[in-house]
């Protein structure tokens, strides 16, 4: 584990967003979805994620997830990925999204 300074952590802008659309990214080499996430004052942003093992597009709609919002835009399999939706690998290596169990306003900052 690498120790970082508090200032390093505070530079990462993590916000709550609600997934409003999800579809298969047919251009991806590995199975992935393209999602649109409502981040409140930041607007709706796109993201691509390889989360097809544990989720279907219909499962994703309405989920509130934790997003990193201040990475540079990255081109992934034909789309501009504007935010990183966070998650962790399960015991088989499939991603499980970082979700919230109580409703929060879209765009709320991680505190």
PDB file of N, CA and C in Angstrom:
ATOM      1  N   UNK A   1       0.844  -1.177   0.000  1.00  0.00           N
ATOM      2  CA  UNK A   1       0.000   0.000   0.000  1.00  0.00           C
ATOM      3  C   UNK A   1       0.886   1.235   0.000  1.00  0.00           C
ATOM      4  N   UNK A   2       0.548   2.157  -0.871  1.00  0.00           N
ATOM      5  CA  UNK A   2       1.290   3.416  -0.955  1.00  0.00           C
ATOM      6  C   UNK A   2       0.549   4.495  -0.176  1.00  0.00           C
ATOM      7  N   UNK A   3       1.240   5.144   0.746  1.00  0.00           N
ATOM      8  CA  UNK A   3       0.657   6.220   1.543  1.00  0.00           C
ATOM      9  C   UNK A   3       0.682   7.504   0.705  1.00  0.00           C
ATOM     10  N   UNK A   4      -0.458   8.231   0.696  1.00  0.00           N
ATOM     11  CA  UNK A   4      -0.531   9.506  -0.010  1.00  0.00           C
ATOM     12  C   UNK A   4      -0.847  10.614   0.983  1.00  0.00           C
ATOM     13  N   UNK A   5      -0.622  11.828   0.574  1.00  0.00           N
ATOM     14  CA  UNK A   5      -0.965  12.981   1.395  1.00  0.00           C
ATOM     15  C   UNK A   5      -2.452  13.282   1.261  1.00  0.00           C
ATOM     16  N   UNK A   6      -3.040  13.911   2.284  1.00  0.00           N
ATOM     17  CA  UNK A   6      -4.457  14.279   2.253  1.00  0.00           C
ATOM     18  C   UNK A   6      -4.764  15.133   1.030  1.00  0.00           C
ATOM     19  N   UNK A   7      -3.863  16.046   0.684  1.00  0.00           N
ATOM     20  CA  UNK A   7      -4.071  16.917  -0.485  1.00  0.00           C
ATOM     21  C   UNK A   7      -4.194  16.110  -1.774  1.00  0.00           C
ATOM     22  N   UNK A   8      -3.484  14.985  -1.888  1.00  0.00           N
ATOM     23  CA  UNK A   8      -3.606  14.125  -3.075  1.00  0.00           C
ATOM     24  C   UNK A   8      -5.033  13.600  -3.186  1.00  0.00           C
ATOM     25  N   UNK A   9      -5.580  13.146  -2.074  1.00  0.00           N
ATOM     26  CA  UNK A   9      -6.940  12.615  -2.060  1.00  0.00           C
ATOM     27  C   UNK A   9      -7.963  13.697  -2.408  1.00  0.00           C
ATOM     28  N   UNK A  10      -7.798  14.882  -1.863  1.00  0.00           N
ATOM     29  CA  UNK A  10      -8.791  15.937  -2.081  1.00  0.00           C
ATOM     30  C   UNK A  10      -8.795  16.454  -3.518  1.00  0.00           C
ATOM     31  N   UNK A  11      -7.768  16.179  -4.276  1.00  0.00           N
ATOM     32  CA  UNK A  11      -7.742  16.600  -5.688  1.00  0.00           C
ATOM     33  C   UNK A  11      -8.619  15.706  -6.557  1.00  0.00           C
ATOM     34  N   UNK A  12      -8.970  14.520  -6.085  1.00  0.00           N
ATOM     35  CA  UNK A  12      -9.830  13.614  -6.840  1.00  0.00           C
ATOM     36  C   UNK A  12     -11.279  13.998  -6.551  1.00  0.00           C
ATOM     37  N   UNK A  13     -11.997  14.421  -7.597  1.00  0.00           N
ATOM     38  CA  UNK A  13     -13.386  14.852  -7.437  1.00  0.00           C
ATOM     39  C   UNK A  13     -14.307  13.653  -7.647  1.00  0.00           C
ATOM     40  N   UNK A  14     -14.844  13.148  -6.548  1.00  0.00           N
ATOM     41  CA  UNK A  14     -15.754  11.999  -6.610  1.00  0.00           C
ATOM     42  C   UNK A  14     -17.159  12.467  -6.260  1.00  0.00           C
ATOM     43  N   UNK A  15     -18.102  12.142  -7.148  1.00  0.00           N
ATOM     44  CA  UNK A  15     -19.476  12.601  -6.984  1.00  0.00           C
ATOM     45  C   UNK A  15     -20.460  11.457  -7.197  1.00  0.00           C
ATOM     46  N   UNK A  16     -21.644  11.645  -6.625  1.00  0.00           N
ATOM     47  CA  UNK A  16     -22.749  10.712  -6.792  1.00  0.00           C
ATOM     48  C   UNK A  16     -23.434  11.019  -8.118  1.00  0.00           C
ATOM     49  N   UNK A  17     -23.702   9.968  -8.875  1.00  0.00           N
ATOM     50  CA  UNK A  17     -24.456  10.125 -10.116  1.00  0.00           C
ATOM     51  C   UNK A  17     -25.455   9.003 -10.265  1.00  0.00           C
ATOM     52  N   UNK A  18     -26.530   9.289 -10.989  1.00  0.00           N
ATOM     53  CA  UNK A  18     -27.549   8.280 -11.261  1.00  0.00           C
ATOM     54  C   UNK A  18     -27.453   7.852 -12.715  1.00  0.00           C
ATOM     55  N   UNK A  19     -27.357   6.551 -12.948  1.00  0.00           N
ATOM     56  CA  UNK A  19     -27.296   6.033 -14.314  1.00  0.00           C
ATOM     57  C   UNK A  19     -28.677   6.193 -14.944  1.00  0.00           C
ATOM     58  N   UNK A  20     -28.731   6.935 -16.061  1.00  0.00           N
ATOM     59  CA  UNK A  20     -30.011   7.201 -16.721  1.00  0.00           C
ATOM     60  C   UNK A  20     -30.177   6.415 -18.016  1.00  0.00           C
ATOM     61  N   UNK A  21     -29.083   5.906 -18.572  1.00  0.00           N
ATOM     62  CA  UNK A  21     -29.185   5.023 -19.739  1.00  0.00           C
ATOM     63  C   UNK A  21     -27.983   4.102 -19.766  1.00  0.00           C
ATOM     64  N   UNK A  22     -28.185   2.927 -20.359  1.00  0.00           N
ATOM     65  CA  UNK A  22     -27.113   1.936 -20.480  1.00  0.00           C
ATOM     66  C   UNK A  22     -27.400   1.073 -21.699  1.00  0.00           C
ATOM     67  N   UNK A  23     -26.367   0.858 -22.501  1.00  0.00           N
ATOM     68  CA  UNK A  23     -26.513  -0.001 -23.670  1.00  0.00           C
ATOM     69  C   UNK A  23     -25.196  -0.702 -23.953  1.00  0.00           C
ATOM     70  N   UNK A  24     -25.260  -1.780 -24.679  1.00  0.00           N
ATOM     71  CA  UNK A  24     -24.064  -2.533 -25.043  1.00  0.00           C
ATOM     72  C   UNK A  24     -23.188  -1.670 -25.946  1.00  0.00           C
ATOM     73  N   UNK A  25     -21.887  -1.657 -25.656  1.00  0.00           N
ATOM     74  CA  UNK A  25     -20.935  -0.967 -26.521  1.00  0.00           C
ATOM     75  C   UNK A  25     -20.458  -1.986 -27.557  1.00  0.00           C
ATOM     76  N   UNK A  26     -21.075  -1.960 -28.724  1.00  0.00           N
ATOM     77  CA  UNK A  26     -20.786  -2.947 -29.772  1.00  0.00           C
ATOM     78  C   UNK A  26     -19.382  -2.808 -30.350  1.00  0.00           C
ATOM     79  N   UNK A  27     -18.714  -1.686 -30.120  1.00  0.00           N
ATOM     80  CA  UNK A  27     -17.359  -1.475 -30.648  1.00  0.00           C
ATOM     81  C   UNK A  27     -16.269  -1.964 -29.693  1.00  0.00           C
ATOM     82  N   UNK A  28     -16.641  -2.307 -28.483  1.00  0.00           N
ATOM     83  CA  UNK A  28     -15.661  -2.734 -27.485  1.00  0.00           C
ATOM     84  C   UNK A  28     -15.121  -4.122 -27.808  1.00  0.00           C
ATOM     85  N   UNK A  29     -13.815  -4.326 -27.592  1.00  0.00           N
ATOM     86  CA  UNK A  29     -13.202  -5.642 -27.807  1.00  0.00           C
ATOM     87  C   UNK A  29     -13.658  -6.635 -26.746  1.00  0.00           C
ATOM     88  N   UNK A  30     -13.772  -6.168 -25.510  1.00  0.00           N
ATOM     89  CA  UNK A  30     -14.291  -6.980 -24.416  1.00  0.00           C
ATOM     90  C   UNK A  30     -15.687  -6.453 -24.098  1.00  0.00           C
ATOM     91  N   UNK A  31     -16.611  -7.313 -23.688  1.00  0.00           N
ATOM     92  CA  UNK A  31     -17.984  -6.861 -23.420  1.00  0.00           C
ATOM     93  C   UNK A  31     -18.019  -5.667 -22.458  1.00  0.00           C
ATOM     94  N   UNK A  32     -18.764  -4.641 -22.861  1.00  0.00           N
ATOM     95  CA  UNK A  32     -18.849  -3.409 -22.060  1.00  0.00           C
ATOM     96  C   UNK A  32     -20.167  -2.706 -22.344  1.00  0.00           C
ATOM     97  N   UNK A  33     -20.511  -1.812 -21.442  1.00  0.00           N
ATOM     98  CA  UNK A  33     -21.688  -0.962 -21.616  1.00  0.00           C
ATOM     99  C   UNK A  33     -21.257   0.493 -21.737  1.00  0.00           C
ATOM    100  N   UNK A  34     -22.041   1.258 -22.492  1.00  0.00           N
ATOM    101  CA  UNK A  34     -21.937   2.713 -22.516  1.00  0.00           C
ATOM    102  C   UNK A  34     -23.092   3.211 -21.661  1.00  0.00           C
ATOM    103  N   UNK A  35     -22.771   4.064 -20.704  1.00  0.00           N
ATOM    104  CA  UNK A  35     -23.795   4.585 -19.806  1.00  0.00           C
ATOM    105  C   UNK A  35     -23.777   6.098 -19.798  1.00  0.00           C
ATOM    106  N   UNK A  36     -24.944   6.673 -19.554  1.00  0.00           N
ATOM    107  CA  UNK A  36     -25.050   8.097 -19.291  1.00  0.00           C
ATOM    108  C   UNK A  36     -25.406   8.247 -17.826  1.00  0.00           C
ATOM    109  N   UNK A  37     -24.687   9.163 -17.158  1.00  0.00           N
ATOM    110  CA  UNK A  37     -24.826   9.345 -15.718  1.00  0.00           C
ATOM    111  C   UNK A  37     -25.202  10.797 -15.437  1.00  0.00           C
ATOM    112  N   UNK A  38     -26.287  11.000 -14.696  1.00  0.00           N
ATOM    113  CA  UNK A  38     -26.718  12.336 -14.298  1.00  0.00           C
ATOM    114  C   UNK A  38     -25.926  12.739 -13.068  1.00  0.00           C
ATOM    115  N   UNK A  39     -25.092  13.770 -13.229  1.00  0.00           N
ATOM    116  CA  UNK A  39     -24.244  14.253 -12.145  1.00  0.00           C
ATOM    117  C   UNK A  39     -24.681  15.630 -11.646  1.00  0.00           C
ATOM    118  N   UNK A  40     -25.973  15.891 -11.707  1.00  0.00           N
ATOM    119  CA  UNK A  40     -26.512  17.145 -11.174  1.00  0.00           C
ATOM    120  C   UNK A  40     -25.976  18.347 -11.914  1.00  0.00           C
ATOM    121  N   UNK A  41     -25.350  19.264 -11.198  1.00  0.00           N
ATOM    122  CA  UNK A  41     -24.857  20.514 -11.774  1.00  0.00           C
ATOM    123  C   UNK A  41     -23.820  20.297 -12.883  1.00  0.00           C
ATOM    124  N   UNK A  42     -23.163  19.139 -12.898  1.00  0.00           N
ATOM    125  CA  UNK A  42     -22.176  18.848 -13.949  1.00  0.00           C
ATOM    126  C   UNK A  42     -22.844  18.360 -15.233  1.00  0.00           C
ATOM    127  N   UNK A  43     -24.122  18.031 -15.164  1.00  0.00           N
ATOM    128  CA  UNK A  43     -24.852  17.556 -16.332  1.00  0.00           C
ATOM    129  C   UNK A  43     -24.767  16.043 -16.478  1.00  0.00           C
ATOM    130  N   UNK A  44     -25.141  15.595 -17.667  1.00  0.00           N
ATOM    131  CA  UNK A  44     -25.111  14.159 -17.968  1.00  0.00           C
ATOM    132  C   UNK A  44     -23.805  13.842 -18.679  1.00  0.00           C
ATOM    133  N   UNK A  45     -23.089  12.866 -18.155  1.00  0.00           N
ATOM    134  CA  UNK A  45     -21.778  12.475 -18.690  1.00  0.00           C
ATOM    135  C   UNK A  45     -21.821  11.015 -19.108  1.00  0.00           C
ATOM    136  N   UNK A  46     -20.970  10.674 -20.079  1.00  0.00           N
ATOM    137  CA  UNK A  46     -20.894   9.297 -20.582  1.00  0.00           C
ATOM    138  C   UNK A  46     -19.726   8.553 -19.956  1.00  0.00           C
ATOM    139  N   UNK A  47     -19.894   7.243 -19.880  1.00  0.00           N
ATOM    140  CA  UNK A  47     -18.841   6.372 -19.369  1.00  0.00           C
ATOM    141  C   UNK A  47     -18.972   5.013 -20.034  1.00  0.00           C
ATOM    142  N   UNK A  48     -17.857   4.328 -20.199  1.00  0.00           N
ATOM    143  CA  UNK A  48     -17.851   2.963 -20.708  1.00  0.00           C
ATOM    144  C   UNK A  48     -17.242   2.086 -19.628  1.00  0.00           C
ATOM    145  N   UNK A  49     -17.870   0.935 -19.381  1.00  0.00           N
ATOM    146  CA  UNK A  49     -17.372   0.063 -18.321  1.00  0.00           C
ATOM    147  C   UNK A  49     -17.597  -1.397 -18.671  1.00  0.00           C
ATOM    148  N   UNK A  50     -16.636  -2.226 -18.292  1.00  0.00           N
ATOM    149  CA  UNK A  50     -16.726  -3.669 -18.494  1.00  0.00           C
ATOM    150  C   UNK A  50     -17.375  -4.288 -17.263  1.00  0.00           C
ATOM    151  N   UNK A  51     -18.693  -4.164 -17.193  1.00  0.00           N
ATOM    152  CA  UNK A  51     -19.437  -4.630 -16.021  1.00  0.00           C
ATOM    153  C   UNK A  51     -20.553  -5.590 -16.422  1.00  0.00           C
ATOM    154  N   UNK A  52     -20.381  -6.260 -17.551  1.00  0.00           N
ATOM    155  CA  UNK A  52     -21.448  -7.097 -18.108  1.00  0.00           C
ATOM    156  C   UNK A  52     -21.655  -8.411 -17.369  1.00  0.00           C
ATOM    157  N   UNK A  53     -20.719  -8.828 -16.531  1.00  0.00           N
ATOM    158  CA  UNK A  53     -20.864 -10.097 -15.816  1.00  0.00           C
ATOM    159  C   UNK A  53     -21.960 -10.000 -14.757  1.00  0.00           C
ATOM    160  N   UNK A  54     -21.955  -8.917 -13.997  1.00  0.00           N
ATOM    161  CA  UNK A  54     -22.888  -8.781 -12.876  1.00  0.00           C
ATOM    162  C   UNK A  54     -24.128  -7.937 -13.158  1.00  0.00           C
ATOM    163  N   UNK A  55     -24.178  -7.265 -14.325  1.00  0.00           N
ATOM    164  CA  UNK A  55     -25.271  -6.331 -14.597  1.00  0.00           C
ATOM    165  C   UNK A  55     -25.768  -6.458 -16.030  1.00  0.00           C
ATOM    166  N   UNK A  56     -27.071  -6.214 -16.209  1.00  0.00           N
ATOM    167  CA  UNK A  56     -27.647  -6.026 -17.540  1.00  0.00           C
ATOM    168  C   UNK A  56     -27.922  -4.531 -17.683  1.00  0.00           C
ATOM    169  N   UNK A  57     -28.124  -4.039 -18.905  1.00  0.00           N
ATOM    170  CA  UNK A  57     -28.454  -2.614 -19.048  1.00  0.00           C
ATOM    171  C   UNK A  57     -29.669  -2.207 -18.208  1.00  0.00           C
ATOM    172  N   UNK A  58     -30.700  -3.047 -18.179  1.00  0.00           N
ATOM    173  CA  UNK A  58     -31.895  -2.717 -17.391  1.00  0.00           C
ATOM    174  C   UNK A  58     -31.601  -2.644 -15.895  1.00  0.00           C
ATOM    175  N   UNK A  59     -30.684  -3.493 -15.398  1.00  0.00           N
ATOM    176  CA  UNK A  59     -30.303  -3.462 -13.980  1.00  0.00           C
ATOM    177  C   UNK A  59     -29.691  -2.122 -13.585  1.00  0.00           C
ATOM    178  N   UNK A  60     -29.005  -1.495 -14.527  1.00  0.00           N
ATOM    179  CA  UNK A  60     -28.213  -0.306 -14.220  1.00  0.00           C
ATOM    180  C   UNK A  60     -29.037   0.974 -14.092  1.00  0.00           C
ATOM    181  N   UNK A  61     -30.144   1.050 -14.815  1.00  0.00           N
ATOM    182  CA  UNK A  61     -30.940   2.271 -14.823  1.00  0.00           C
ATOM    183  C   UNK A  61     -31.424   2.590 -13.407  1.00  0.00           C
ATOM    184  N   UNK A  62     -31.150   3.818 -12.972  1.00  0.00           N
ATOM    185  CA  UNK A  62     -31.582   4.278 -11.656  1.00  0.00           C
ATOM    186  C   UNK A  62     -30.586   4.042 -10.538  1.00  0.00           C
ATOM    187  N   UNK A  63     -29.519   3.278 -10.796  1.00  0.00           N
ATOM    188  CA  UNK A  63     -28.523   3.037  -9.740  1.00  0.00           C
ATOM    189  C   UNK A  63     -27.738   4.318  -9.481  1.00  0.00           C
ATOM    190  N   UNK A  64     -27.527   4.606  -8.209  1.00  0.00           N
ATOM    191  CA  UNK A  64     -26.663   5.724  -7.837  1.00  0.00           C
ATOM    192  C   UNK A  64     -25.272   5.168  -7.567  1.00  0.00           C
ATOM    193  N   UNK A  65     -24.304   5.718  -8.278  1.00  0.00           N
ATOM    194  CA  UNK A  65     -22.939   5.210  -8.237  1.00  0.00           C
ATOM    195  C   UNK A  65     -21.960   6.333  -7.919  1.00  0.00           C
ATOM    196  N   UNK A  66     -20.764   5.946  -7.521  1.00  0.00           N
ATOM    197  CA  UNK A  66     -19.706   6.900  -7.220  1.00  0.00           C
ATOM    198  C   UNK A  66     -18.822   7.051  -8.451  1.00  0.00           C
ATOM    199  N   UNK A  67     -18.659   8.301  -8.910  1.00  0.00           N
ATOM    200  CA  UNK A  67     -17.905   8.578 -10.135  1.00  0.00           C
ATOM    201  C   UNK A  67     -16.729   9.500  -9.859  1.00  0.00           C
ATOM    202  N   UNK A  68     -15.606   9.237 -10.525  1.00  0.00           N
ATOM    203  CA  UNK A  68     -14.490  10.174 -10.533  1.00  0.00           C
ATOM    204  C   UNK A  68     -14.752  11.099 -11.712  1.00  0.00           C
ATOM    205  N   UNK A  69     -14.837  12.395 -11.425  1.00  0.00           N
ATOM    206  CA  UNK A  69     -15.299  13.354 -12.436  1.00  0.00           C
ATOM    207  C   UNK A  69     -14.202  14.235 -13.024  1.00  0.00           C
ATOM    208  N   UNK A  70     -13.011  14.227 -12.466  1.00  0.00           N
ATOM    209  CA  UNK A  70     -11.998  15.150 -12.969  1.00  0.00           C
ATOM    210  C   UNK A  70     -10.796  14.480 -13.627  1.00  0.00           C
ATOM    211  N   UNK A  71     -11.021  13.302 -14.216  1.00  0.00           N
ATOM    212  CA  UNK A  71     -10.030  12.721 -15.126  1.00  0.00           C
ATOM    213  C   UNK A  71     -10.194  13.367 -16.493  1.00  0.00           C
ATOM    214  N   UNK A  72      -9.151  13.341 -17.284  1.00  0.00           N
ATOM    215  CA  UNK A  72      -9.273  13.776 -18.673  1.00  0.00           C
ATOM    216  C   UNK A  72     -10.220  12.837 -19.402  1.00  0.00           C
ATOM    217  N   UNK A  73     -10.919  13.380 -20.400  1.00  0.00           N
ATOM    218  CA  UNK A  73     -11.781  12.549 -21.240  1.00  0.00           C
ATOM    219  C   UNK A  73     -10.908  11.516 -21.935  1.00  0.00           C
ATOM    220  N   UNK A  74     -11.390  10.281 -21.978  1.00  0.00           N
ATOM    221  CA  UNK A  74     -10.620   9.189 -22.576  1.00  0.00           C
ATOM    222  C   UNK A  74     -11.468   8.495 -23.634  1.00  0.00           C
ATOM    223  N   UNK A  75     -10.903   8.235 -24.786  1.00  0.00           N
ATOM    224  CA  UNK A  75     -11.611   7.500 -25.841  1.00  0.00           C
ATOM    225  C   UNK A  75     -11.500   6.014 -25.553  1.00  0.00           C
ATOM    226  N   UNK A  76     -12.666   5.369 -25.411  1.00  0.00           N
ATOM    227  CA  UNK A  76     -12.712   3.938 -25.131  1.00  0.00           C
ATOM    228  C   UNK A  76     -13.679   3.310 -26.111  1.00  0.00           C
ATOM    229  N   UNK A  77     -13.166   2.465 -26.970  1.00  0.00           N
ATOM    230  CA  UNK A  77     -13.994   1.701 -27.912  1.00  0.00           C
ATOM    231  C   UNK A  77     -15.008   2.583 -28.635  1.00  0.00           C
ATOM    232  N   UNK A  78     -14.530   3.688 -29.176  1.00  0.00           N
ATOM    233  CA  UNK A  78     -15.377   4.525 -30.015  1.00  0.00           C
ATOM    234  C   UNK A  78     -16.210   5.568 -29.302  1.00  0.00           C
ATOM    235  N   UNK A  79     -16.118   5.655 -27.973  1.00  0.00           N
ATOM    236  CA  UNK A  79     -16.874   6.695 -27.275  1.00  0.00           C
ATOM    237  C   UNK A  79     -15.938   7.531 -26.414  1.00  0.00           C
ATOM    238  N   UNK A  80     -16.380   8.751 -26.096  1.00  0.00           N
ATOM    239  CA  UNK A  80     -15.646   9.598 -25.168  1.00  0.00           C
ATOM    240  C   UNK A  80     -16.146   9.278 -23.768  1.00  0.00           C
ATOM    241  N   UNK A  81     -15.286   8.679 -22.970  1.00  0.00           N
ATOM    242  CA  UNK A  81     -15.636   8.382 -21.583  1.00  0.00           C
ATOM    243  C   UNK A  81     -15.263   9.599 -20.755  1.00  0.00           C
ATOM    244  N   UNK A  82     -16.286  10.246 -20.183  1.00  0.00           N
ATOM    245  CA  UNK A  82     -16.097  11.516 -19.484  1.00  0.00           C
ATOM    246  C   UNK A  82     -15.942  11.366 -17.978  1.00  0.00           C
ATOM    247  N   UNK A  83     -16.407  10.253 -17.427  1.00  0.00           N
ATOM    248  CA  UNK A  83     -16.272   9.985 -15.991  1.00  0.00           C
ATOM    249  C   UNK A  83     -15.917   8.517 -15.793  1.00  0.00           C
ATOM    250  N   UNK A  84     -15.329   8.224 -14.657  1.00  0.00           N
ATOM    251  CA  UNK A  84     -15.017   6.849 -14.286  1.00  0.00           C
ATOM    252  C   UNK A  84     -16.019   6.419 -13.222  1.00  0.00           C
ATOM    253  N   UNK A  85     -16.820   5.411 -13.533  1.00  0.00           N
ATOM    254  CA  UNK A  85     -17.729   4.833 -12.546  1.00  0.00           C
ATOM    255  C   UNK A  85     -16.913   3.833 -11.735  1.00  0.00           C
ATOM    256  N   UNK A  86     -16.930   3.979 -10.423  1.00  0.00           N
ATOM    257  CA  UNK A  86     -16.050   3.163  -9.580  1.00  0.00           C
ATOM    258  C   UNK A  86     -16.699   1.847  -9.167  1.00  0.00           C
ATOM    259  N   UNK A  87     -15.850   0.908  -8.830  1.00  0.00           N
ATOM    260  CA  UNK A  87     -16.282  -0.400  -8.362  1.00  0.00           C
ATOM    261  C   UNK A  87     -15.072  -1.183  -7.889  1.00  0.00           C
ATOM    262  N   UNK A  88     -15.307  -2.411  -7.511  1.00  0.00           N
ATOM    263  CA  UNK A  88     -14.242  -3.301  -7.054  1.00  0.00           C
ATOM    264  C   UNK A  88     -14.468  -4.681  -7.652  1.00  0.00           C
ATOM    265  N   UNK A  89     -13.401  -5.444  -7.751  1.00  0.00           N
ATOM    266  CA  UNK A  89     -13.480  -6.796  -8.307  1.00  0.00           C
ATOM    267  C   UNK A  89     -13.973  -7.779  -7.261  1.00  0.00           C
ATOM    268  N   UNK A  90     -14.898  -8.655  -7.684  1.00  0.00           N
ATOM    269  CA  UNK A  90     -15.327  -9.729  -6.789  1.00  0.00           C
ATOM    270  C   UNK A  90     -14.312 -10.868  -6.845  1.00  0.00           C
ATOM    271  N   UNK A  91     -14.614 -11.984  -6.193  1.00  0.00           N
ATOM    272  CA  UNK A  91     -13.648 -13.103  -6.112  1.00  0.00           C
ATOM    273  C   UNK A  91     -13.329 -13.711  -7.471  1.00  0.00           C
ATOM    274  N   UNK A  92     -14.181 -13.477  -8.469  1.00  0.00           N
ATOM    275  CA  UNK A  92     -13.929 -14.002  -9.817  1.00  0.00           C
ATOM    276  C   UNK A  92     -13.343 -12.953 -10.752  1.00  0.00           C
ATOM    277  N   UNK A  93     -13.130 -11.732 -10.250  1.00  0.00           N
ATOM    278  CA  UNK A  93     -12.556 -10.665 -11.059  1.00  0.00           C
ATOM    279  C   UNK A  93     -13.583  -9.796 -11.763  1.00  0.00           C
ATOM    280  N   UNK A  94     -14.872 -10.054 -11.573  1.00  0.00           N
ATOM    281  CA  UNK A  94     -15.924  -9.240 -12.178  1.00  0.00           C
ATOM    282  C   UNK A  94     -16.171  -7.998 -11.317  1.00  0.00           C
ATOM    283  N   UNK A  95     -16.473  -6.885 -11.956  1.00  0.00           N
ATOM    284  CA  UNK A  95     -16.648  -5.626 -11.243  1.00  0.00           C
ATOM    285  C   UNK A  95     -18.022  -5.548 -10.577  1.00  0.00           C
ATOM    286  N   UNK A  96     -18.009  -5.089  -9.326  1.00  0.00           N
ATOM    287  CA  UNK A  96     -19.209  -4.757  -8.566  1.00  0.00           C
ATOM    288  C   UNK A  96     -19.158  -3.256  -8.329  1.00  0.00           C
ATOM    289  N   UNK A  97     -20.196  -2.552  -8.739  1.00  0.00           N
ATOM    290  CA  UNK A  97     -20.214  -1.098  -8.659  1.00  0.00           C
ATOM    291  C   UNK A  97     -20.250  -0.591  -7.221  1.00  0.00           C
ATOM    292  N   UNK A  98     -19.626   0.571  -7.004  1.00  0.00           N
ATOM    293  CA  UNK A  98     -19.723   1.273  -5.721  1.00  0.00           C
ATOM    294  C   UNK A  98     -21.041   2.040  -5.752  1.00  0.00           C
ATOM    295  N   UNK A  99     -22.014   1.559  -4.977  1.00  0.00           N
ATOM    296  CA  UNK A  99     -23.366   2.119  -4.962  1.00  0.00           C
ATOM    297  C   UNK A  99     -23.695   2.683  -3.580  1.00  0.00           C
ATOM    298  N   UNK A 100     -24.836   3.380  -3.520  1.00  0.00           N
ATOM    299  CA  UNK A 100     -25.316   3.944  -2.261  1.00  0.00           C
ATOM    300  C   UNK A 100     -26.636   3.291  -1.894  1.00  0.00           C
ATOM    301  N   UNK A 101     -26.848   3.049  -0.609  1.00  0.00           N
ATOM    302  CA  UNK A 101     -28.072   2.370  -0.180  1.00  0.00           C
ATOM    303  C   UNK A 101     -29.168   3.329   0.248  1.00  0.00           C
ATOM    304  N   UNK A 102     -28.887   4.625   0.301  1.00  0.00           N
ATOM    305  CA  UNK A 102     -29.895   5.662   0.566  1.00  0.00           C
ATOM    306  C   UNK A 102     -29.789   6.696  -0.543  1.00  0.00           C
ATOM    307  N   UNK A 103     -30.915   7.316  -0.928  1.00  0.00           N
ATOM    308  CA  UNK A 103     -30.877   8.278  -2.024  1.00  0.00           C
ATOM    309  C   UNK A 103     -30.069   9.531  -1.662  1.00  0.00           C
ATOM    310  N   UNK A 104     -29.328  10.000  -2.641  1.00  0.00           N
ATOM    311  CA  UNK A 104     -28.519  11.210  -2.497  1.00  0.00           C
ATOM    312  C   UNK A 104     -28.782  12.115  -3.699  1.00  0.00           C
ATOM    313  N   UNK A 105     -28.519  13.416  -3.555  1.00  0.00           N
ATOM    314  CA  UNK A 105     -28.688  14.292  -4.714  1.00  0.00           C
ATOM    315  C   UNK A 105     -27.588  14.021  -5.741  1.00  0.00           C
ATOM    316  N   UNK A 106     -27.986  14.039  -7.010  1.00  0.00           N
ATOM    317  CA  UNK A 106     -26.989  13.870  -8.071  1.00  0.00           C
ATOM    318  C   UNK A 106     -25.983  15.002  -7.988  1.00  0.00           C
ATOM    319  N   UNK A 107     -24.716  14.636  -8.104  1.00  0.00           N
ATOM    320  CA  UNK A 107     -23.637  15.621  -8.020  1.00  0.00           C
ATOM    321  C   UNK A 107     -23.070  15.802  -6.632  1.00  0.00           C
ATOM    322  N   UNK A 108     -23.651  15.152  -5.620  1.00  0.00           N
ATOM    323  CA  UNK A 108     -23.122  15.283  -4.263  1.00  0.00           C
ATOM    324  C   UNK A 108     -21.675  14.802  -4.222  1.00  0.00           C
ATOM    325  N   UNK A 109     -20.830  15.597  -3.558  1.00  0.00           N
ATOM    326  CA  UNK A 109     -19.414  15.255  -3.422  1.00  0.00           C
ATOM    327  C   UNK A 109     -19.197  14.208  -2.341  1.00  0.00           C
ATOM    328  N   UNK A 110     -18.271  13.300  -2.575  1.00  0.00           N
ATOM    329  CA  UNK A 110     -17.875  12.344  -1.550  1.00  0.00           C
ATOM    330  C   UNK A 110     -17.265  13.135  -0.407  1.00  0.00           C
ATOM    331  N   UNK A 111     -17.726  12.871   0.792  1.00  0.00           N
ATOM    332  CA  UNK A 111     -17.247  13.622   1.958  1.00  0.00           C
ATOM    333  C   UNK A 111     -16.352  12.752   2.824  1.00  0.00           C
TER     334      UNK A 111
END
